[in-house]
């Protein structure tokens, strides 16, 4: 919560003083788009390569995506718990 307050404060000061340079933030992590990057090929290969009518995928492809999202959720909860402990 403190980070949001700090960010809001910095952006408000910048908006009020347009001559000041904008704040610099670190670049986003390259793992930000890991879900779509992995999920697309998994859906394609596990879901039957779009062989159903209309280019659809089989249910097992969507099941694999659901399992992957559950694993990502559990890993995210574990990481947040470790970060919160520090």
N, C-alpha and C. Protein backbone atom coordinates (compact mmCIF):
# COMPACT_ATOMS: atom_id res chain seq x y z
N UNK A 1 0.82 -1.19 0.00
CA UNK A 1 0.00 0.00 0.00
C UNK A 1 0.87 1.26 0.00
N UNK A 2 2.00 1.19 0.70
CA UNK A 2 2.88 2.35 0.75
C UNK A 2 3.45 2.67 -0.63
N UNK A 3 3.68 1.63 -1.44
CA UNK A 3 4.20 1.86 -2.79
C UNK A 3 3.18 2.61 -3.64
N UNK A 4 1.89 2.28 -3.48
CA UNK A 4 0.84 2.98 -4.23
C UNK A 4 0.76 4.44 -3.80
N UNK A 5 0.87 4.67 -2.51
CA UNK A 5 0.81 6.04 -2.01
C UNK A 5 2.01 6.83 -2.52
N UNK A 6 3.19 6.20 -2.49
CA UNK A 6 4.39 6.86 -2.98
C UNK A 6 4.28 7.15 -4.47
N UNK A 7 3.79 6.19 -5.25
CA UNK A 7 3.61 6.39 -6.69
C UNK A 7 2.62 7.52 -6.96
N UNK A 8 1.52 7.55 -6.24
CA UNK A 8 0.53 8.60 -6.42
C UNK A 8 1.12 9.96 -6.08
N UNK A 9 1.90 10.01 -5.01
CA UNK A 9 2.54 11.26 -4.62
C UNK A 9 3.51 11.75 -5.69
N UNK A 10 4.33 10.86 -6.21
CA UNK A 10 5.30 11.23 -7.25
C UNK A 10 4.58 11.71 -8.49
N UNK A 11 3.55 10.99 -8.92
CA UNK A 11 2.82 11.38 -10.13
C UNK A 11 2.09 12.69 -9.94
N UNK A 12 1.56 12.94 -8.74
CA UNK A 12 0.88 14.19 -8.48
C UNK A 12 1.87 15.35 -8.52
N UNK A 13 3.03 15.17 -7.90
CA UNK A 13 4.06 16.22 -7.94
C UNK A 13 4.49 16.49 -9.37
N UNK A 14 4.62 15.44 -10.17
CA UNK A 14 5.01 15.61 -11.56
C UNK A 14 3.93 16.35 -12.34
N UNK A 15 2.67 16.03 -12.08
CA UNK A 15 1.58 16.70 -12.78
C UNK A 15 1.53 18.18 -12.43
N UNK A 16 1.82 18.52 -11.18
CA UNK A 16 1.79 19.91 -10.76
C UNK A 16 3.01 20.69 -11.23
N UNK A 17 4.12 20.02 -11.44
CA UNK A 17 5.35 20.65 -11.87
C UNK A 17 5.79 19.99 -13.18
N UNK A 18 5.23 20.44 -14.28
CA UNK A 18 5.45 19.78 -15.58
C UNK A 18 6.89 19.95 -16.07
N UNK A 19 7.64 20.90 -15.49
CA UNK A 19 9.01 21.10 -15.95
C UNK A 19 9.96 20.06 -15.36
N UNK A 20 9.53 19.35 -14.33
CA UNK A 20 10.37 18.33 -13.71
C UNK A 20 10.40 17.09 -14.61
N UNK A 21 11.52 16.38 -14.63
CA UNK A 21 11.57 15.16 -15.45
C UNK A 21 10.64 14.09 -14.88
N UNK A 22 10.12 13.22 -15.72
CA UNK A 22 9.24 12.16 -15.22
C UNK A 22 10.03 11.17 -14.37
N UNK A 23 9.37 10.52 -13.43
CA UNK A 23 10.08 9.55 -12.58
C UNK A 23 10.53 8.34 -13.41
N UNK A 24 11.67 7.76 -13.03
CA UNK A 24 12.19 6.59 -13.73
C UNK A 24 11.84 5.34 -12.94
N UNK A 25 11.32 4.35 -13.61
CA UNK A 25 10.95 3.09 -12.98
C UNK A 25 11.74 1.97 -13.63
N UNK A 26 12.00 0.90 -12.91
CA UNK A 26 12.73 -0.21 -13.53
C UNK A 26 11.88 -0.85 -14.64
N UNK A 27 12.51 -1.39 -15.66
CA UNK A 27 11.75 -2.03 -16.73
C UNK A 27 10.99 -3.25 -16.21
N UNK A 28 9.87 -3.59 -16.83
CA UNK A 28 9.11 -4.74 -16.37
C UNK A 28 9.90 -6.04 -16.54
N UNK A 29 9.57 -6.99 -15.72
CA UNK A 29 10.23 -8.29 -15.78
C UNK A 29 9.89 -8.99 -17.09
N UNK A 30 10.83 -9.74 -17.67
CA UNK A 30 10.52 -10.46 -18.90
C UNK A 30 9.54 -11.61 -18.67
N UNK A 31 9.25 -11.96 -17.42
CA UNK A 31 8.32 -13.05 -17.14
C UNK A 31 6.87 -12.58 -17.05
N UNK A 32 6.62 -11.31 -17.36
CA UNK A 32 5.27 -10.77 -17.24
C UNK A 32 4.30 -11.51 -18.15
N UNK A 33 4.71 -11.84 -19.36
CA UNK A 33 3.82 -12.48 -20.32
C UNK A 33 4.08 -13.97 -20.44
N UNK A 34 4.48 -14.60 -19.36
CA UNK A 34 4.79 -16.02 -19.41
C UNK A 34 3.54 -16.87 -19.67
N UNK A 35 2.40 -16.48 -19.12
CA UNK A 35 1.17 -17.25 -19.30
C UNK A 35 0.77 -17.41 -20.76
N UNK A 36 0.58 -16.31 -21.51
CA UNK A 36 0.24 -16.45 -22.93
C UNK A 36 1.34 -17.09 -23.75
N UNK A 37 2.59 -16.84 -23.37
CA UNK A 37 3.70 -17.39 -24.12
C UNK A 37 3.73 -18.91 -24.03
N UNK A 38 3.40 -19.46 -22.87
CA UNK A 38 3.38 -20.90 -22.68
C UNK A 38 2.00 -21.47 -23.00
N UNK A 39 0.95 -20.74 -22.64
CA UNK A 39 -0.41 -21.23 -22.81
C UNK A 39 -0.83 -21.43 -24.25
N UNK A 40 -0.39 -20.55 -25.14
CA UNK A 40 -0.75 -20.68 -26.55
C UNK A 40 -0.28 -21.99 -27.16
N UNK A 41 1.02 -22.30 -27.07
CA UNK A 41 1.49 -23.56 -27.61
C UNK A 41 0.87 -24.79 -26.92
N UNK A 42 0.65 -24.69 -25.59
CA UNK A 42 0.03 -25.82 -24.88
C UNK A 42 -1.37 -26.07 -25.42
N UNK A 43 -2.14 -25.00 -25.59
CA UNK A 43 -3.49 -25.15 -26.14
C UNK A 43 -3.44 -25.72 -27.54
N UNK A 44 -2.49 -25.29 -28.34
CA UNK A 44 -2.39 -25.76 -29.72
C UNK A 44 -2.03 -27.24 -29.79
N UNK A 45 -1.00 -27.64 -29.05
CA UNK A 45 -0.53 -29.02 -29.15
C UNK A 45 -1.38 -30.01 -28.35
N UNK A 46 -1.80 -29.64 -27.15
CA UNK A 46 -2.61 -30.55 -26.33
C UNK A 46 -4.06 -30.55 -26.81
N UNK A 47 -4.52 -29.40 -27.33
CA UNK A 47 -5.92 -29.28 -27.74
C UNK A 47 -6.22 -29.75 -29.14
N UNK A 48 -5.30 -30.41 -29.79
CA UNK A 48 -5.59 -31.02 -31.09
C UNK A 48 -5.25 -30.16 -32.28
N UNK A 49 -4.40 -29.17 -32.14
CA UNK A 49 -3.91 -28.35 -33.25
C UNK A 49 -5.03 -27.70 -34.04
N UNK A 50 -6.14 -27.37 -33.40
CA UNK A 50 -7.23 -26.67 -34.06
C UNK A 50 -7.92 -27.47 -35.14
N UNK A 51 -8.01 -28.80 -34.96
CA UNK A 51 -8.57 -29.67 -35.99
C UNK A 51 -10.10 -29.75 -35.94
N UNK A 52 -10.72 -29.22 -34.90
CA UNK A 52 -12.18 -29.27 -34.83
C UNK A 52 -12.78 -28.28 -35.82
N UNK A 53 -14.08 -28.44 -36.09
CA UNK A 53 -14.75 -27.53 -37.01
C UNK A 53 -14.63 -26.10 -36.52
N UNK A 54 -14.35 -25.22 -37.44
CA UNK A 54 -14.21 -23.81 -37.09
C UNK A 54 -12.87 -23.49 -36.44
N UNK A 55 -11.93 -24.43 -36.45
CA UNK A 55 -10.61 -24.19 -35.88
C UNK A 55 -10.57 -24.25 -34.37
N UNK A 56 -11.57 -24.87 -33.75
CA UNK A 56 -11.62 -24.96 -32.29
C UNK A 56 -10.65 -25.99 -31.75
N UNK A 57 -10.52 -26.01 -30.44
CA UNK A 57 -9.62 -26.94 -29.77
C UNK A 57 -10.42 -27.89 -28.90
N UNK A 58 -9.86 -29.05 -28.64
CA UNK A 58 -10.53 -30.04 -27.79
C UNK A 58 -10.52 -29.60 -26.34
N UNK A 59 -11.39 -30.22 -25.56
CA UNK A 59 -11.55 -29.85 -24.15
C UNK A 59 -10.26 -30.10 -23.37
N UNK A 60 -9.52 -31.12 -23.72
CA UNK A 60 -8.30 -31.42 -22.95
C UNK A 60 -7.27 -30.30 -23.08
N UNK A 61 -7.28 -29.54 -24.15
CA UNK A 61 -6.39 -28.39 -24.26
C UNK A 61 -6.74 -27.31 -23.24
N UNK A 62 -8.05 -27.07 -23.10
CA UNK A 62 -8.50 -26.10 -22.11
C UNK A 62 -8.29 -26.62 -20.68
N UNK A 63 -8.40 -27.93 -20.51
CA UNK A 63 -8.10 -28.51 -19.20
C UNK A 63 -6.63 -28.31 -18.84
N UNK A 64 -5.76 -28.47 -19.81
CA UNK A 64 -4.33 -28.25 -19.55
C UNK A 64 -4.07 -26.79 -19.18
N UNK A 65 -4.76 -25.86 -19.85
CA UNK A 65 -4.61 -24.44 -19.50
C UNK A 65 -5.10 -24.16 -18.09
N UNK A 66 -6.21 -24.78 -17.70
CA UNK A 66 -6.74 -24.59 -16.36
C UNK A 66 -5.77 -25.13 -15.30
N UNK A 67 -5.19 -26.29 -15.56
CA UNK A 67 -4.21 -26.85 -14.63
C UNK A 67 -2.99 -25.94 -14.52
N UNK A 68 -2.53 -25.42 -15.67
CA UNK A 68 -1.39 -24.50 -15.65
C UNK A 68 -1.70 -23.24 -14.86
N UNK A 69 -2.90 -22.70 -15.03
CA UNK A 69 -3.25 -21.49 -14.29
C UNK A 69 -3.34 -21.76 -12.80
N UNK A 70 -3.79 -22.95 -12.42
CA UNK A 70 -3.82 -23.32 -11.00
C UNK A 70 -2.40 -23.42 -10.44
N UNK A 71 -1.50 -23.99 -11.20
CA UNK A 71 -0.11 -24.10 -10.77
C UNK A 71 0.50 -22.70 -10.63
N UNK A 72 0.26 -21.82 -11.61
CA UNK A 72 0.76 -20.45 -11.52
C UNK A 72 0.21 -19.75 -10.28
N UNK A 73 -1.07 -19.96 -9.98
CA UNK A 73 -1.69 -19.33 -8.82
C UNK A 73 -1.04 -19.81 -7.53
N UNK A 74 -0.80 -21.11 -7.43
CA UNK A 74 -0.17 -21.67 -6.23
C UNK A 74 1.25 -21.15 -6.08
N UNK A 75 1.99 -21.09 -7.17
CA UNK A 75 3.36 -20.57 -7.11
C UNK A 75 3.35 -19.09 -6.72
N UNK A 76 2.42 -18.31 -7.26
CA UNK A 76 2.33 -16.90 -6.91
C UNK A 76 2.01 -16.73 -5.43
N UNK A 77 1.11 -17.55 -4.90
CA UNK A 77 0.78 -17.48 -3.48
C UNK A 77 1.99 -17.83 -2.63
N UNK A 78 2.76 -18.83 -3.04
CA UNK A 78 3.96 -19.22 -2.31
C UNK A 78 4.98 -18.10 -2.31
N UNK A 79 5.18 -17.47 -3.49
CA UNK A 79 6.15 -16.37 -3.59
C UNK A 79 5.71 -15.20 -2.73
N UNK A 80 4.43 -14.85 -2.76
CA UNK A 80 3.94 -13.75 -1.94
C UNK A 80 4.09 -14.06 -0.45
N UNK A 81 3.92 -15.29 -0.09
CA UNK A 81 4.09 -15.66 1.31
C UNK A 81 5.55 -15.50 1.73
N UNK A 82 6.47 -15.90 0.86
CA UNK A 82 7.90 -15.74 1.16
C UNK A 82 8.28 -14.27 1.23
N UNK A 83 7.74 -13.44 0.32
CA UNK A 83 8.04 -12.02 0.32
C UNK A 83 7.47 -11.37 1.57
N UNK A 84 6.28 -11.76 1.97
CA UNK A 84 5.64 -11.18 3.15
C UNK A 84 6.39 -11.54 4.42
N UNK A 85 7.06 -12.69 4.43
CA UNK A 85 7.79 -13.13 5.63
C UNK A 85 9.04 -12.28 5.86
N UNK A 86 9.54 -11.63 4.82
CA UNK A 86 10.77 -10.84 4.97
C UNK A 86 10.49 -9.49 5.50
